C-alpha atoms as a PDB file:
ATOM      1  CA  MET A   1      78.163   7.807  40.866  1.00  0.00           C
ATOM      2  CA  ASP A   2      80.109  11.008  40.262  1.00  0.00           C
ATOM      3  CA  PRO A   3      82.264  12.393  43.128  1.00  0.00           C
ATOM      4  CA  SER A   4      79.980  15.360  43.925  1.00  0.00           C
ATOM      5  CA  ALA A   5      76.917  13.075  44.275  1.00  0.00           C
ATOM      6  CA  ARG A   6      78.926  10.766  46.542  1.00  0.00           C
ATOM      7  CA  GLU A   7      79.885  13.742  48.755  1.00  0.00           C
ATOM      8  CA  LEU A   8      76.256  14.877  48.995  1.00  0.00           C
ATOM      9  CA  SER A   9      74.999  11.396  49.836  1.00  0.00           C
ATOM     10  CA  SER A  10      77.610  11.049  52.588  1.00  0.00           C
ATOM     11  CA  LEU A  11      76.351  14.293  54.168  1.00  0.00           C
ATOM     12  CA  ALA A  12      72.843  12.863  54.498  1.00  0.00           C
ATOM     13  CA  VAL A  13      73.982   9.897  56.628  1.00  0.00           C
ATOM     14  CA  LEU A  14      73.263  10.223  60.318  1.00  0.00           C
ATOM     15  CA  PRO A  15      76.264   9.820  62.596  1.00  0.00           C
ATOM     16  CA  VAL A  16      76.708   6.367  64.125  1.00  0.00           C
ATOM     17  CA  PRO A  17      77.474   6.245  67.852  1.00  0.00           C
ATOM     18  CA  PRO A  18      80.568   4.328  69.066  1.00  0.00           C
ATOM     19  CA  ASP A  19      78.569   1.166  69.906  1.00  0.00           C
ATOM     20  CA  GLY A  20      77.543   0.863  66.239  1.00  0.00           C
ATOM     21  CA  ALA A  21      73.775   1.135  66.772  1.00  0.00           C
ATOM     22  CA  PRO A  22      72.123   3.688  64.450  1.00  0.00           C
ATOM     23  CA  THR A  23      70.655   6.742  66.139  1.00  0.00           C
ATOM     24  CA  ALA A  24      67.079   7.835  65.592  1.00  0.00           C
ATOM     25  CA  ARG A  25      66.460  11.553  65.547  1.00  0.00           C
ATOM     26  CA  ARG A  26      64.167  12.468  68.388  1.00  0.00           C
ATOM     27  CA  ARG A  27      61.691  15.232  67.711  1.00  0.00           C
ATOM     28  CA  LYS A  28      61.588  18.069  70.200  1.00  0.00           C
ATOM     29  CA  PRO A  29      58.221  18.677  71.836  1.00  0.00           C
ATOM     30  CA  TRP A  30      56.611  22.033  71.037  1.00  0.00           C
ATOM     31  CA  ARG A  31      57.020  23.033  74.664  1.00  0.00           C
ATOM     32  CA  ASP A  32      60.810  22.782  74.285  1.00  0.00           C
ATOM     33  CA  LYS A  33      60.769  24.675  71.000  1.00  0.00           C
ATOM     34  CA  PHE A  34      58.843  27.539  72.603  1.00  0.00           C
ATOM     35  CA  ARG A  35      61.166  27.497  75.629  1.00  0.00           C
ATOM     36  CA  VAL A  36      64.160  27.887  73.311  1.00  0.00           C
ATOM     37  CA  ALA A  37      62.420  30.658  71.350  1.00  0.00           C
ATOM     38  CA  PHE A  38      61.546  32.626  74.495  1.00  0.00           C
ATOM     39  CA  ARG A  39      65.118  32.206  75.742  1.00  0.00           C
ATOM     40  CA  GLY A  40      66.254  33.599  72.373  1.00  0.00           C
ATOM     41  CA  LEU A  41      64.001  36.626  72.833  1.00  0.00           C
ATOM     42  CA  LYS A  42      65.416  37.207  76.297  1.00  0.00           C
ATOM     43  CA  LEU A  43      69.009  36.871  75.079  1.00  0.00           C
ATOM     44  CA  GLY A  44      68.358  39.088  72.059  1.00  0.00           C
ATOM     45  CA  ILE A  45      66.713  41.871  74.035  1.00  0.00           C
ATOM     46  CA  ARG A  46      68.851  41.809  77.176  1.00  0.00           C
ATOM     47  CA  GLY A  47      71.882  44.028  77.028  1.00  0.00           C
ATOM     48  CA  HIS A  48      70.918  45.851  73.844  1.00  0.00           C
ATOM     49  CA  SER A  49      69.979  49.428  74.669  1.00  0.00           C
ATOM     50  CA  SER A  50      68.369  49.984  71.265  1.00  0.00           C
ATOM     51  CA  PHE A  51      65.421  47.842  72.381  1.00  0.00           C
ATOM     52  CA  PHE A  52      64.565  50.493  74.975  1.00  0.00           C
ATOM     53  CA  VAL A  53      64.128  53.023  72.164  1.00  0.00           C
ATOM     54  CA  HIS A  54      62.038  50.576  70.110  1.00  0.00           C
ATOM     55  CA  PHE A  55      59.813  49.696  73.066  1.00  0.00           C
ATOM     56  CA  PHE A  56      59.347  53.381  73.901  1.00  0.00           C
ATOM     57  CA  PHE A  57      58.225  54.209  70.365  1.00  0.00           C
ATOM     58  CA  ALA A  58      56.054  51.083  70.201  1.00  0.00           C
ATOM     59  CA  ALA A  59      54.240  52.239  73.361  1.00  0.00           C
ATOM     60  CA  LEU A  60      53.900  55.727  71.864  1.00  0.00           C
ATOM     61  CA  VAL A  61      52.381  54.258  68.688  1.00  0.00           C
ATOM     62  CA  LEU A  62      49.921  52.126  70.686  1.00  0.00           C
ATOM     63  CA  VAL A  63      48.785  55.071  72.825  1.00  0.00           C
ATOM     64  CA  THR A  64      48.401  57.264  69.746  1.00  0.00           C
ATOM     65  CA  ALA A  65      46.355  54.555  68.005  1.00  0.00           C
ATOM     66  CA  VAL A  66      44.017  54.390  71.013  1.00  0.00           C
ATOM     67  CA  VAL A  67      43.640  58.175  71.191  1.00  0.00           C
ATOM     68  CA  LEU A  68      42.975  58.471  67.461  1.00  0.00           C
ATOM     69  CA  ARG A  69      40.577  55.501  67.552  1.00  0.00           C
ATOM     70  CA  CYS A  70      42.248  53.587  64.738  1.00  0.00           C
ATOM     71  CA  GLU A  71      40.256  51.009  62.826  1.00  0.00           C
ATOM     72  CA  LEU A  72      41.025  47.290  62.906  1.00  0.00           C
ATOM     73  CA  TRP A  73      42.994  47.265  59.669  1.00  0.00           C
ATOM     74  CA  GLN A  74      45.081  50.212  60.896  1.00  0.00           C
ATOM     75  CA  TRP A  75      45.827  48.376  64.140  1.00  0.00           C
ATOM     76  CA  CYS A  76      46.953  45.369  62.101  1.00  0.00           C
ATOM     77  CA  VAL A  77      49.298  47.498  59.998  1.00  0.00           C
ATOM     78  CA  LEU A  78      50.722  49.321  63.035  1.00  0.00           C
ATOM     79  CA  LEU A  79      51.296  46.085  64.952  1.00  0.00           C
ATOM     80  CA  GLY A  80      52.882  44.569  61.851  1.00  0.00           C
ATOM     81  CA  CYS A  81      55.268  47.529  61.626  1.00  0.00           C
ATOM     82  CA  ILE A  82      56.191  47.187  65.302  1.00  0.00           C
ATOM     83  CA  GLY A  83      56.822  43.466  64.781  1.00  0.00           C
ATOM     84  CA  LEU A  84      58.934  44.184  61.693  1.00  0.00           C
ATOM     85  CA  VAL A  85      61.208  46.611  63.552  1.00  0.00           C
ATOM     86  CA  LEU A  86      61.612  44.337  66.584  1.00  0.00           C
ATOM     87  CA  THR A  87      62.360  41.341  64.350  1.00  0.00           C
ATOM     88  CA  ALA A  88      64.977  43.312  62.408  1.00  0.00           C
ATOM     89  CA  GLU A  89      66.562  44.367  65.708  1.00  0.00           C
ATOM     90  CA  LEU A  90      66.614  40.744  66.922  1.00  0.00           C
ATOM     91  CA  PHE A  91      68.441  39.676  63.748  1.00  0.00           C
ATOM     92  CA  ASN A  92      70.869  42.542  64.302  1.00  0.00           C
ATOM     93  CA  SER A  93      71.431  41.370  67.890  1.00  0.00           C
ATOM     94  CA  ALA A  94      72.035  37.818  66.679  1.00  0.00           C
ATOM     95  CA  LEU A  95      74.671  38.993  64.209  1.00  0.00           C
ATOM     96  CA  GLU A  96      76.357  41.147  66.866  1.00  0.00           C
ATOM     97  CA  THR A  97      76.472  38.165  69.227  1.00  0.00           C
ATOM     98  CA  LEU A  98      77.911  35.944  66.505  1.00  0.00           C
ATOM     99  CA  PHE A  99      80.456  38.625  65.582  1.00  0.00           C
ATOM    100  CA  ARG A 100      81.712  38.889  69.173  1.00  0.00           C
ATOM    101  CA  GLY A 101      82.532  35.168  69.095  1.00  0.00           C
ATOM    102  CA  LEU A 102      84.836  35.440  66.083  1.00  0.00           C
ATOM    103  CA  ASP A 103      88.615  35.665  66.172  1.00  0.00           C
ATOM    104  CA  GLU A 104      90.247  39.020  65.384  1.00  0.00           C
ATOM    105  CA  GLU A 105      91.316  38.046  61.855  1.00  0.00           C
ATOM    106  CA  THR A 106      87.773  37.035  60.882  1.00  0.00           C
ATOM    107  CA  ARG A 107      86.305  40.129  62.537  1.00  0.00           C
ATOM    108  CA  ALA A 108      88.560  42.312  60.400  1.00  0.00           C
ATOM    109  CA  ARG A 109      87.089  40.720  57.246  1.00  0.00           C
ATOM    110  CA  VAL A 110      83.400  40.583  58.144  1.00  0.00           C
ATOM    111  CA  TRP A 111      82.765  43.763  60.155  1.00  0.00           C
ATOM    112  CA  PRO A 112      80.664  45.298  57.322  1.00  0.00           C
ATOM    113  CA  CYS A 113      77.922  42.729  58.095  1.00  0.00           C
ATOM    114  CA  LEU A 114      77.217  44.640  61.327  1.00  0.00           C
ATOM    115  CA  ASP A 115      76.709  47.875  59.400  1.00  0.00           C
ATOM    116  CA  ILE A 116      74.418  46.119  56.937  1.00  0.00           C
ATOM    117  CA  ALA A 117      72.345  44.671  59.793  1.00  0.00           C
ATOM    118  CA  ALA A 118      72.120  48.105  61.418  1.00  0.00           C
ATOM    119  CA  GLY A 119      71.052  49.501  58.043  1.00  0.00           C
ATOM    120  CA  ALA A 120      68.282  46.901  57.873  1.00  0.00           C
ATOM    121  CA  VAL A 121      67.000  48.033  61.277  1.00  0.00           C
ATOM    122  CA  LEU A 122      67.129  51.652  60.116  1.00  0.00           C
ATOM    123  CA  MET A 123      65.232  50.790  56.921  1.00  0.00           C
ATOM    124  CA  ALA A 124      62.535  48.908  58.840  1.00  0.00           C
ATOM    125  CA  SER A 125      62.262  51.780  61.328  1.00  0.00           C
ATOM    126  CA  LEU A 126      61.978  54.464  58.638  1.00  0.00           C
ATOM    127  CA  ALA A 127      59.403  52.506  56.636  1.00  0.00           C
ATOM    128  CA  SER A 128      57.390  51.873  59.805  1.00  0.00           C
ATOM    129  CA  ALA A 129      57.586  55.541  60.801  1.00  0.00           C
ATOM    130  CA  ILE A 130      56.319  56.640  57.385  1.00  0.00           C
ATOM    131  CA  ILE A 131      53.462  54.124  57.485  1.00  0.00           C
ATOM    132  CA  GLY A 132      52.560  55.178  61.038  1.00  0.00           C
ATOM    133  CA  CYS A 133      52.591  58.862  60.117  1.00  0.00           C
ATOM    134  CA  LEU A 134      50.341  58.243  57.111  1.00  0.00           C
ATOM    135  CA  ILE A 135      47.843  56.347  59.266  1.00  0.00           C
ATOM    136  CA  PHE A 136      47.900  58.911  62.081  1.00  0.00           C
ATOM    137  CA  VAL A 137      47.615  61.936  59.764  1.00  0.00           C
ATOM    138  CA  GLU A 138      44.629  60.314  58.038  1.00  0.00           C
ATOM    139  CA  ARG A 139      42.962  59.558  61.398  1.00  0.00           C
ATOM    140  CA  LEU A 140      43.655  63.060  62.710  1.00  0.00           C
ATOM    141  CA  ALA A 141      42.224  64.633  59.546  1.00  0.00           C
ATOM    142  CA  LYS A 142      39.118  62.492  59.880  1.00  0.00           C
ATOM    143  CA  MET A 143      38.675  63.441  63.555  1.00  0.00           C
ATOM    144  CA  LEU A 144      39.106  67.157  62.766  1.00  0.00           C
ATOM    145  CA  HIS A 145      36.776  66.906  59.732  1.00  0.00           C
ATOM    146  CA  PHE A 146      39.423  67.961  57.215  1.00  0.00           C
ATOM    147  CA  GLU A 147      38.447  65.300  54.703  1.00  0.00           C
END
């Protein structure tokens, strides 16, 4: 066996506790997985003021969709755009949290990752805004009989 294959096979071995008995990996119940995920949402949203702006615009989009009587497929696209922006912002929050835990020397090397993450949020927001405007302009034109 070549050295690289030996290294890979050693990584796959589960750790053995001090008493020598092998450990079996216990699967987490779904309830615990959801609890962890909801805690992640809370931690990602709390303390990040940009979520206030996203939630405000999400509410504005939902009210506008009701007023303009959007069709089902338009609702799906709008909700997908809202989900895209919030997900991008959660990833950005995760990277910011990770960055704050780094030592100063590492921070000095990897700070551009924060700008890239912020750029991803901006890109998702701009794409969602364009999609929303296209949907709302089409609905408004239909309501005003400008077709």
